[in-house]
Amino acid sequence: MIHYFRKIRTKLLKESSFSKYLIYAIGEVFLVMIGIMLALYFDNLNTQNENSKKEKWYLNNIVEDIEFQKVILKDMKRHCLESIDIGKSIIKDFDKHKSFVQIDSLNDKLNFLIETYNFPNTNNTYSELVSSGQLNLITNKILSVDIINYYLSSQGNYDDVRNNIDNIFYPEIYPIIKKLCQITMYDEDIGKGEEYLLGEYINLTSLIENRLKSSETKLDLLNAIKIRIQISSVHLYMVNDTLEIAEELIKSIYEDLGYTNKKATTV
């Protein structure tokens, strides 16, 4: 093609036809410009297709992260609810008997209250999206803002729960409960021939019962259990709020991706 245009240009120059040559030159420039514009168009189209693939990949992986986070949140919710119920049952029984010693399975109940749950903040995909500077790949800006707000909220909840555990639970609750129960090992922590780890010792049970008869100990344990209930209630609110927002965000992402409701529920 280039060789053909050169022949035409040479012929026009030999014929000394300036006007024809000028028209030809303009036409040649026009064709070059068209070629450049087409090249830019297809390059831009390829870039858009690549960005669209990346956007879908990030959005699908964000959904997977949130679904994984939901599993842990639901476990944490069950633990919070059970902690509240157990704490209330201990106080109810104490109010009835005016004693901790007569409370049924107190050791098991205190063992449960000594466990904690960290708020899950599963944000691997989101962190990669932000750190790589590709947050603008999400073309739906309302959805982009919703995703940012969700992870900011999750980080805030994680920090608040961590603060409650580090600055309230371990300094004020854990030491009191630990002194008034024998720690129970889990079966999965017990190896073959290590059944002795599951034993409770009668002489130590008597020691604990004597401690529980002290008025000062009664006050300390009652306060510890009440604070435990309060902390669990706050954490439960955070969990329920996050689960609700997570469901809405997943729904918005699936709508943006064009998935049907049926497909959304099976992912």
C-alpha atoms as a PDB file:
ATOM      1  CA  MET A   1       0.000   0.000   0.000  1.00  0.00           C
ATOM      2  CA  ILE A   2       2.812   2.410   0.928  1.00  0.00           C
ATOM      3  CA  HIS A   3       4.639   1.533  -2.308  1.00  0.00           C
ATOM      4  CA  TYR A   4       1.457   2.297  -4.273  1.00  0.00           C
ATOM      5  CA  PHE A   5       1.101   5.765  -2.684  1.00  0.00           C
ATOM      6  CA  ARG A   6       4.759   6.552  -3.392  1.00  0.00           C
ATOM      7  CA  LYS A   7       4.274   5.773  -7.084  1.00  0.00           C
ATOM      8  CA  ILE A   8       1.296   8.129  -7.267  1.00  0.00           C
ATOM      9  CA  ARG A   9       3.230  10.868  -5.486  1.00  0.00           C
ATOM     10  CA  THR A  10       6.233  10.500  -7.824  1.00  0.00           C
ATOM     11  CA  LYS A  11       3.985  10.606 -10.886  1.00  0.00           C
ATOM     12  CA  LEU A  12       2.277  13.792  -9.725  1.00  0.00           C
ATOM     13  CA  LEU A  13       5.606  15.473  -9.044  1.00  0.00           C
ATOM     14  CA  LYS A  14       6.872  14.594 -12.535  1.00  0.00           C
ATOM     15  CA  GLU A  15       3.707  16.030 -14.072  1.00  0.00           C
ATOM     16  CA  SER A  16       4.260  19.244 -12.071  1.00  0.00           C
ATOM     17  CA  SER A  17       0.623  19.154 -11.024  1.00  0.00           C
ATOM     18  CA  PHE A  18       0.822  21.015  -7.699  1.00  0.00           C
ATOM     19  CA  SER A  19      -2.911  21.202  -7.059  1.00  0.00           C
ATOM     20  CA  LYS A  20      -3.343  17.475  -7.618  1.00  0.00           C
ATOM     21  CA  TYR A  21      -0.323  16.780  -5.431  1.00  0.00           C
ATOM     22  CA  LEU A  22      -1.709  19.000  -2.662  1.00  0.00           C
ATOM     23  CA  ILE A  23      -5.013  17.138  -2.748  1.00  0.00           C
ATOM     24  CA  TYR A  24      -3.144  13.843  -2.657  1.00  0.00           C
ATOM     25  CA  ALA A  25      -0.968  15.019   0.265  1.00  0.00           C
ATOM     26  CA  ILE A  26      -4.020  16.096   2.229  1.00  0.00           C
ATOM     27  CA  GLY A  27      -5.647  12.748   1.519  1.00  0.00           C
ATOM     28  CA  GLU A  28      -2.529  10.879   2.623  1.00  0.00           C
ATOM     29  CA  VAL A  29      -2.395  12.865   5.895  1.00  0.00           C
ATOM     30  CA  PHE A  30      -6.079  12.172   6.411  1.00  0.00           C
ATOM     31  CA  LEU A  31      -5.556   8.451   5.933  1.00  0.00           C
ATOM     32  CA  VAL A  32      -2.646   8.475   8.386  1.00  0.00           C
ATOM     33  CA  MET A  33      -4.787  10.301  10.930  1.00  0.00           C
ATOM     34  CA  ILE A  34      -7.596   7.780  10.436  1.00  0.00           C
ATOM     35  CA  GLY A  35      -5.073   4.970  10.959  1.00  0.00           C
ATOM     36  CA  ILE A  36      -3.785   6.547  14.157  1.00  0.00           C
ATOM     37  CA  MET A  37      -7.315   7.141  15.449  1.00  0.00           C
ATOM     38  CA  LEU A  38      -8.294   3.532  14.702  1.00  0.00           C
ATOM     39  CA  ALA A  39      -5.170   2.272  16.448  1.00  0.00           C
ATOM     40  CA  LEU A  40      -5.920   4.422  19.499  1.00  0.00           C
ATOM     41  CA  TYR A  41      -9.557   3.297  19.463  1.00  0.00           C
ATOM     42  CA  PHE A  42      -8.705  -0.397  19.413  1.00  0.00           C
ATOM     43  CA  ASP A  43      -5.944   0.101  21.995  1.00  0.00           C
ATOM     44  CA  ASN A  44      -8.413   1.912  24.258  1.00  0.00           C
ATOM     45  CA  LEU A  45     -10.992  -0.824  23.643  1.00  0.00           C
ATOM     46  CA  ASN A  46      -8.479  -3.505  24.637  1.00  0.00           C
ATOM     47  CA  THR A  47      -7.578  -1.523  27.762  1.00  0.00           C
ATOM     48  CA  GLN A  48     -11.258  -1.198  28.675  1.00  0.00           C
ATOM     49  CA  ASN A  49     -11.778  -4.944  28.193  1.00  0.00           C
ATOM     50  CA  GLU A  50      -8.769  -5.726  30.388  1.00  0.00           C
ATOM     51  CA  ASN A  51      -9.943  -3.284  33.052  1.00  0.00           C
ATOM     52  CA  SER A  52     -13.438  -4.788  32.906  1.00  0.00           C
ATOM     53  CA  LYS A  53     -11.966  -8.271  33.495  1.00  0.00           C
ATOM     54  CA  LYS A  54      -9.909  -6.961  36.416  1.00  0.00           C
ATOM     55  CA  GLU A  55     -12.950  -5.187  37.877  1.00  0.00           C
ATOM     56  CA  LYS A  56     -15.017  -8.384  37.767  1.00  0.00           C
ATOM     57  CA  TRP A  57     -12.147 -10.349  39.321  1.00  0.00           C
ATOM     58  CA  TYR A  58     -11.805  -7.877  42.185  1.00  0.00           C
ATOM     59  CA  LEU A  59     -15.557  -7.675  42.800  1.00  0.00           C
ATOM     60  CA  ASN A  60     -15.976 -11.463  42.803  1.00  0.00           C
ATOM     61  CA  ASN A  61     -13.065 -11.850  45.213  1.00  0.00           C
ATOM     62  CA  ILE A  62     -14.433  -9.130  47.490  1.00  0.00           C
ATOM     63  CA  VAL A  63     -17.669 -11.143  47.662  1.00  0.00           C
ATOM     64  CA  GLU A  64     -15.677 -14.289  48.528  1.00  0.00           C
ATOM     65  CA  ASP A  65     -13.861 -12.393  51.299  1.00  0.00           C
ATOM     66  CA  ILE A  66     -17.134 -11.089  52.713  1.00  0.00           C
ATOM     67  CA  GLU A  67     -18.746 -14.545  52.564  1.00  0.00           C
ATOM     68  CA  PHE A  68     -15.784 -15.956  54.496  1.00  0.00           C
ATOM     69  CA  GLN A  69     -16.048 -13.088  56.969  1.00  0.00           C
ATOM     70  CA  LYS A  70     -19.776 -13.814  57.408  1.00  0.00           C
ATOM     71  CA  VAL A  71     -19.026 -17.390  58.493  1.00  0.00           C
ATOM     72  CA  ILE A  72     -16.784 -16.126  61.307  1.00  0.00           C
ATOM     73  CA  LEU A  73     -19.230 -13.360  62.194  1.00  0.00           C
ATOM     74  CA  LYS A  74     -22.043 -15.906  62.599  1.00  0.00           C
ATOM     75  CA  ASP A  75     -19.830 -17.987  64.887  1.00  0.00           C
ATOM     76  CA  MET A  76     -19.019 -14.857  66.854  1.00  0.00           C
ATOM     77  CA  LYS A  77     -22.746 -14.029  67.050  1.00  0.00           C
ATOM     78  CA  ARG A  78     -23.538 -17.464  68.491  1.00  0.00           C
ATOM     79  CA  HIS A  79     -20.730 -17.061  71.011  1.00  0.00           C
ATOM     80  CA  CYS A  80     -21.964 -13.598  72.061  1.00  0.00           C
ATOM     81  CA  LEU A  81     -25.541 -14.816  72.480  1.00  0.00           C
ATOM     82  CA  GLU A  82     -24.441 -17.820  74.514  1.00  0.00           C
ATOM     83  CA  SER A  83     -22.117 -15.668  76.633  1.00  0.00           C
ATOM     84  CA  ILE A  84     -24.995 -13.319  77.427  1.00  0.00           C
ATOM     85  CA  ASP A  85     -27.338 -16.220  78.258  1.00  0.00           C
ATOM     86  CA  ILE A  86     -24.768 -17.964  80.467  1.00  0.00           C
ATOM     87  CA  GLY A  87     -23.852 -14.732  82.247  1.00  0.00           C
ATOM     88  CA  LYS A  88     -27.504 -13.948  82.952  1.00  0.00           C
ATOM     89  CA  SER A  89     -28.208 -17.495  84.152  1.00  0.00           C
ATOM     90  CA  ILE A  90     -25.323 -17.307  86.653  1.00  0.00           C
ATOM     91  CA  ILE A  91     -26.578 -13.997  88.045  1.00  0.00           C
ATOM     92  CA  LYS A  92     -30.164 -15.318  88.152  1.00  0.00           C
ATOM     93  CA  ASP A  93     -29.063 -18.416  90.084  1.00  0.00           C
ATOM     94  CA  PHE A  94     -26.939 -16.297  92.424  1.00  0.00           C
ATOM     95  CA  ASP A  95     -29.908 -14.058  93.100  1.00  0.00           C
ATOM     96  CA  LYS A  96     -31.947 -17.143  93.932  1.00  0.00           C
ATOM     97  CA  HIS A  97     -29.402 -18.905  96.173  1.00  0.00           C
ATOM     98  CA  LYS A  98     -27.368 -15.876  97.293  1.00  0.00           C
ATOM     99  CA  SER A  99     -24.377 -18.108  96.625  1.00  0.00           C
ATOM    100  CA  PHE A 100     -22.188 -19.194  93.724  1.00  0.00           C
ATOM    101  CA  VAL A 101     -21.364 -22.553  95.287  1.00  0.00           C
ATOM    102  CA  GLN A 102     -24.855 -23.956  94.645  1.00  0.00           C
ATOM    103  CA  ILE A 103     -24.915 -22.985  90.963  1.00  0.00           C
ATOM    104  CA  ASP A 104     -25.024 -26.038  88.715  1.00  0.00           C
ATOM    105  CA  SER A 105     -22.040 -26.535  86.359  1.00  0.00           C
ATOM    106  CA  LEU A 106     -20.508 -23.211  87.417  1.00  0.00           C
ATOM    107  CA  ASN A 107     -17.032 -24.366  86.403  1.00  0.00           C
ATOM    108  CA  ASP A 108     -18.152 -25.099  82.821  1.00  0.00           C
ATOM    109  CA  LYS A 109     -20.029 -21.816  82.602  1.00  0.00           C
ATOM    110  CA  LEU A 110     -17.057 -19.780  83.802  1.00  0.00           C
ATOM    111  CA  ASN A 111     -14.840 -21.643  81.343  1.00  0.00           C
ATOM    112  CA  PHE A 112     -17.123 -20.481  78.543  1.00  0.00           C
ATOM    113  CA  LEU A 113     -17.071 -16.874  79.740  1.00  0.00           C
ATOM    114  CA  ILE A 114     -13.271 -16.889  79.733  1.00  0.00           C
ATOM    115  CA  GLU A 115     -13.228 -17.380  75.953  1.00  0.00           C
ATOM    116  CA  THR A 116     -13.111 -14.431  73.562  1.00  0.00           C
ATOM    117  CA  TYR A 117     -13.712 -13.837  69.858  1.00  0.00           C
ATOM    118  CA  ASN A 118     -11.825 -11.331  67.726  1.00  0.00           C
ATOM    119  CA  PHE A 119     -13.834  -9.401  65.146  1.00  0.00           C
ATOM    120  CA  PRO A 120     -12.915 -10.753  61.686  1.00  0.00           C
ATOM    121  CA  ASN A 121     -11.629  -8.205  59.211  1.00  0.00           C
ATOM    122  CA  THR A 122     -11.085 -10.253  56.040  1.00  0.00           C
ATOM    123  CA  ASN A 123      -9.908  -7.566  53.629  1.00  0.00           C
ATOM    124  CA  ASN A 124      -7.178  -9.169  51.501  1.00  0.00           C
ATOM    125  CA  THR A 125      -8.725  -8.282  48.138  1.00  0.00           C
ATOM    126  CA  TYR A 126      -9.715  -4.777  49.211  1.00  0.00           C
ATOM    127  CA  SER A 127      -6.230  -4.092  50.617  1.00  0.00           C
ATOM    128  CA  GLU A 128      -4.652  -5.224  47.340  1.00  0.00           C
ATOM    129  CA  LEU A 129      -7.079  -3.071  45.366  1.00  0.00           C
ATOM    130  CA  VAL A 130      -6.173   0.013  47.403  1.00  0.00           C
ATOM    131  CA  SER A 131      -2.418  -0.608  47.680  1.00  0.00           C
ATOM    132  CA  SER A 132      -2.122  -1.189  43.920  1.00  0.00           C
ATOM    133  CA  GLY A 133      -3.912   2.096  43.212  1.00  0.00           C
ATOM    134  CA  GLN A 134      -6.606   0.340  41.169  1.00  0.00           C
ATOM    135  CA  LEU A 135      -9.672   1.333  43.146  1.00  0.00           C
ATOM    136  CA  ASN A 136     -10.755   3.368  40.110  1.00  0.00           C
ATOM    137  CA  LEU A 137     -11.286   0.070  38.249  1.00  0.00           C
ATOM    138  CA  ILE A 138     -14.693  -0.069  39.934  1.00  0.00           C
ATOM    139  CA  THR A 139     -16.661   2.030  37.475  1.00  0.00           C
ATOM    140  CA  ASN A 140     -19.812   2.202  39.621  1.00  0.00           C
ATOM    141  CA  LYS A 141     -18.755   4.996  41.960  1.00  0.00           C
ATOM    142  CA  ILE A 142     -21.687   4.502  44.347  1.00  0.00           C
ATOM    143  CA  LEU A 143     -20.671   0.851  44.715  1.00  0.00           C
ATOM    144  CA  SER A 144     -17.053   1.915  45.164  1.00  0.00           C
ATOM    145  CA  VAL A 145     -18.023   4.229  48.035  1.00  0.00           C
ATOM    146  CA  ASP A 146     -20.148   1.457  49.609  1.00  0.00           C
ATOM    147  CA  ILE A 147     -17.183  -0.939  49.515  1.00  0.00           C
ATOM    148  CA  ILE A 148     -14.860   1.657  51.061  1.00  0.00           C
ATOM    149  CA  ASN A 149     -17.381   2.424  53.818  1.00  0.00           C
ATOM    150  CA  TYR A 150     -17.892  -1.274  54.532  1.00  0.00           C
ATOM    151  CA  TYR A 151     -14.202  -1.919  55.073  1.00  0.00           C
ATOM    152  CA  LEU A 152     -13.735   1.275  57.078  1.00  0.00           C
ATOM    153  CA  SER A 153     -16.593   0.117  59.313  1.00  0.00           C
ATOM    154  CA  SER A 154     -15.105  -3.386  59.609  1.00  0.00           C
ATOM    155  CA  GLN A 155     -11.729  -1.942  60.547  1.00  0.00           C
ATOM    156  CA  GLY A 156     -13.398   0.274  63.155  1.00  0.00           C
ATOM    157  CA  ASN A 157     -15.254  -2.706  64.634  1.00  0.00           C
ATOM    158  CA  TYR A 158     -12.068  -4.766  64.666  1.00  0.00           C
ATOM    159  CA  ASP A 159     -10.246  -1.985  66.531  1.00  0.00           C
ATOM    160  CA  ASP A 160     -13.098  -1.535  69.037  1.00  0.00           C
ATOM    161  CA  VAL A 161     -13.370  -5.261  69.801  1.00  0.00           C
ATOM    162  CA  ARG A 162      -9.604  -5.559  70.097  1.00  0.00           C
ATOM    163  CA  ASN A 163      -9.583  -2.583  72.467  1.00  0.00           C
ATOM    164  CA  ASN A 164     -12.346  -4.136  74.609  1.00  0.00           C
ATOM    165  CA  ILE A 165     -10.473  -7.422  74.823  1.00  0.00           C
ATOM    166  CA  ASP A 166      -7.060  -5.905  75.542  1.00  0.00           C
ATOM    167  CA  ASN A 167      -8.118  -3.112  77.895  1.00  0.00           C
ATOM    168  CA  ILE A 168     -11.240  -4.447  79.613  1.00  0.00           C
ATOM    169  CA  PHE A 169     -11.560  -8.205  79.316  1.00  0.00           C
ATOM    170  CA  TYR A 170      -7.991  -9.287  80.090  1.00  0.00           C
ATOM    171  CA  PRO A 171      -7.244  -6.721  82.815  1.00  0.00           C
ATOM    172  CA  GLU A 172     -10.651  -6.743  84.581  1.00  0.00           C
ATOM    173  CA  ILE A 173     -12.524  -9.981  83.789  1.00  0.00           C
ATOM    174  CA  TYR A 174     -10.057 -12.730  82.927  1.00  0.00           C
ATOM    175  CA  PRO A 175      -8.003 -12.600  86.169  1.00  0.00           C
ATOM    176  CA  ILE A 176     -11.133 -12.862  88.355  1.00  0.00           C
ATOM    177  CA  ILE A 177     -12.725 -15.773  86.497  1.00  0.00           C
ATOM    178  CA  LYS A 178      -9.412 -17.606  86.134  1.00  0.00           C
ATOM    179  CA  LYS A 179      -9.011 -17.711  89.942  1.00  0.00           C
ATOM    180  CA  LEU A 180     -12.476 -19.192  90.425  1.00  0.00           C
ATOM    181  CA  CYS A 181     -12.510 -22.134  88.026  1.00  0.00           C
ATOM    182  CA  GLN A 182     -10.393 -25.023  86.819  1.00  0.00           C
ATOM    183  CA  ILE A 183      -9.568 -24.486  83.159  1.00  0.00           C
ATOM    184  CA  THR A 184     -11.137 -27.154  80.955  1.00  0.00           C
ATOM    185  CA  MET A 185      -9.119 -28.500  78.036  1.00  0.00           C
ATOM    186  CA  TYR A 186     -10.763 -29.219  74.707  1.00  0.00           C
ATOM    187  CA  ASP A 187     -10.856 -32.777  73.404  1.00  0.00           C
ATOM    188  CA  GLU A 188      -9.028 -31.707  70.244  1.00  0.00           C
ATOM    189  CA  ASP A 189      -6.147 -30.464  72.415  1.00  0.00           C
ATOM    190  CA  ILE A 190      -5.785 -33.863  74.047  1.00  0.00           C
ATOM    191  CA  GLY A 191      -3.467 -36.436  72.527  1.00  0.00           C
ATOM    192  CA  LYS A 192      -3.485 -40.173  73.021  1.00  0.00           C
ATOM    193  CA  GLY A 193      -2.596 -41.038  76.599  1.00  0.00           C
ATOM    194  CA  GLU A 194      -3.170 -37.439  77.773  1.00  0.00           C
ATOM    195  CA  GLU A 195      -6.636 -37.942  79.284  1.00  0.00           C
ATOM    196  CA  TYR A 196      -5.222 -36.744  82.588  1.00  0.00           C
ATOM    197  CA  LEU A 197      -5.468 -33.202  81.192  1.00  0.00           C
ATOM    198  CA  LEU A 198      -9.261 -33.452  81.409  1.00  0.00           C
ATOM    199  CA  GLY A 199      -9.298 -34.145  85.135  1.00  0.00           C
ATOM    200  CA  GLU A 200     -10.703 -31.865  87.830  1.00  0.00           C
ATOM    201  CA  TYR A 201      -9.136 -32.061  91.287  1.00  0.00           C
ATOM    202  CA  ILE A 202     -11.384 -32.254  94.356  1.00  0.00           C
ATOM    203  CA  ASN A 203      -9.002 -30.446  96.674  1.00  0.00           C
ATOM    204  CA  LEU A 204      -8.806 -27.548  94.203  1.00  0.00           C
ATOM    205  CA  THR A 205     -12.597 -27.544  93.875  1.00  0.00           C
ATOM    206  CA  SER A 206     -12.781 -27.103  97.643  1.00  0.00           C
ATOM    207  CA  LEU A 207     -10.310 -24.215  97.412  1.00  0.00           C
ATOM    208  CA  ILE A 208     -12.474 -22.505  94.800  1.00  0.00           C
ATOM    209  CA  GLU A 209     -15.653 -23.051  96.836  1.00  0.00           C
ATOM    210  CA  ASN A 210     -14.009 -21.437  99.860  1.00  0.00           C
ATOM    211  CA  ARG A 211     -13.023 -18.458  97.739  1.00  0.00           C
ATOM    212  CA  LEU A 212     -16.568 -18.159  96.381  1.00  0.00           C
ATOM    213  CA  LYS A 213     -17.936 -17.806  99.920  1.00  0.00           C
ATOM    214  CA  SER A 214     -16.067 -14.547 100.419  1.00  0.00           C
ATOM    215  CA  SER A 215     -18.240 -11.430 100.091  1.00  0.00           C
ATOM    216  CA  GLU A 216     -15.430  -9.629  98.275  1.00  0.00           C
ATOM    217  CA  THR A 217     -15.136 -12.483  95.774  1.00  0.00           C
ATOM    218  CA  LYS A 218     -18.894 -12.509  95.237  1.00  0.00           C
ATOM    219  CA  LEU A 219     -18.792  -8.808  94.402  1.00  0.00           C
ATOM    220  CA  ASP A 220     -15.810  -9.198  92.081  1.00  0.00           C
ATOM    221  CA  LEU A 221     -17.342 -12.138  90.194  1.00  0.00           C
ATOM    222  CA  LEU A 222     -20.747 -10.490  89.882  1.00  0.00           C
ATOM    223  CA  ASN A 223     -19.165  -7.348  88.463  1.00  0.00           C
ATOM    224  CA  ALA A 224     -16.933  -9.363  86.136  1.00  0.00           C
ATOM    225  CA  ILE A 225     -19.891 -11.300  84.751  1.00  0.00           C
ATOM    226  CA  LYS A 226     -21.968  -8.140  84.289  1.00  0.00           C
ATOM    227  CA  ILE A 227     -19.134  -6.431  82.411  1.00  0.00           C
ATOM    228  CA  ARG A 228     -18.774  -9.595  80.321  1.00  0.00           C
ATOM    229  CA  ILE A 229     -22.460  -9.383  79.429  1.00  0.00           C
ATOM    230  CA  GLN A 230     -22.094  -5.701  78.500  1.00  0.00           C
ATOM    231  CA  ILE A 231     -19.086  -6.361  76.276  1.00  0.00           C
ATOM    232  CA  SER A 232     -20.831  -9.292  74.583  1.00  0.00           C
ATOM    233  CA  SER A 233     -23.902  -7.135  73.957  1.00  0.00           C
ATOM    234  CA  VAL A 234     -21.801  -4.401  72.306  1.00  0.00           C
ATOM    235  CA  HIS A 235     -19.978  -6.963  70.166  1.00  0.00           C
ATOM    236  CA  LEU A 236     -23.295  -8.572  69.215  1.00  0.00           C
ATOM    237  CA  TYR A 237     -24.584  -5.215  67.957  1.00  0.00           C
ATOM    238  CA  MET A 238     -21.442  -4.768  65.832  1.00  0.00           C
ATOM    239  CA  VAL A 239     -21.793  -8.273  64.403  1.00  0.00           C
ATOM    240  CA  ASN A 240     -25.489  -7.901  63.526  1.00  0.00           C
ATOM    241  CA  ASP A 241     -24.896  -4.505  61.940  1.00  0.00           C
ATOM    242  CA  THR A 242     -21.976  -5.813  59.866  1.00  0.00           C
ATOM    243  CA  LEU A 243     -23.906  -8.902  58.727  1.00  0.00           C
ATOM    244  CA  GLU A 244     -26.791  -6.711  57.567  1.00  0.00           C
ATOM    245  CA  ILE A 245     -24.509  -4.346  55.650  1.00  0.00           C
ATOM    246  CA  ALA A 246     -22.577  -7.297  54.187  1.00  0.00           C
ATOM    247  CA  GLU A 247     -25.763  -8.787  52.734  1.00  0.00           C
ATOM    248  CA  GLU A 248     -26.694  -5.481  51.130  1.00  0.00           C
ATOM    249  CA  LEU A 249     -23.201  -4.990  49.715  1.00  0.00           C
ATOM    250  CA  ILE A 250     -23.086  -8.490  48.213  1.00  0.00           C
ATOM    251  CA  LYS A 251     -26.489  -7.861  46.634  1.00  0.00           C
ATOM    252  CA  SER A 252     -25.248  -4.569  45.136  1.00  0.00           C
ATOM    253  CA  ILE A 253     -22.102  -6.223  43.758  1.00  0.00           C
ATOM    254  CA  TYR A 254     -24.103  -9.021  42.126  1.00  0.00           C
ATOM    255  CA  GLU A 255     -26.482  -6.507  40.576  1.00  0.00           C
ATOM    256  CA  ASP A 256     -23.516  -4.560  39.218  1.00  0.00           C
ATOM    257  CA  LEU A 257     -22.037  -7.752  37.760  1.00  0.00           C
ATOM    258  CA  GLY A 258     -25.385  -8.646  36.228  1.00  0.00           C
ATOM    259  CA  TYR A 259     -25.792 -11.887  38.186  1.00  0.00           C
ATOM    260  CA  THR A 260     -29.245 -13.309  38.803  1.00  0.00           C
ATOM    261  CA  ASN A 261     -30.541 -13.739  42.344  1.00  0.00           C
ATOM    262  CA  LYS A 262     -30.344 -17.507  41.913  1.00  0.00           C
ATOM    263  CA  LYS A 263     -26.654 -17.347  41.022  1.00  0.00           C
ATOM    264  CA  ALA A 264     -25.955 -14.914  43.848  1.00  0.00           C
ATOM    265  CA  THR A 265     -27.317 -17.302  46.455  1.00  0.00           C
ATOM    266  CA  THR A 266     -25.260 -20.253  45.205  1.00  0.00           C
ATOM    267  CA  VAL A 267     -21.850 -18.577  45.170  1.00  0.00           C
END
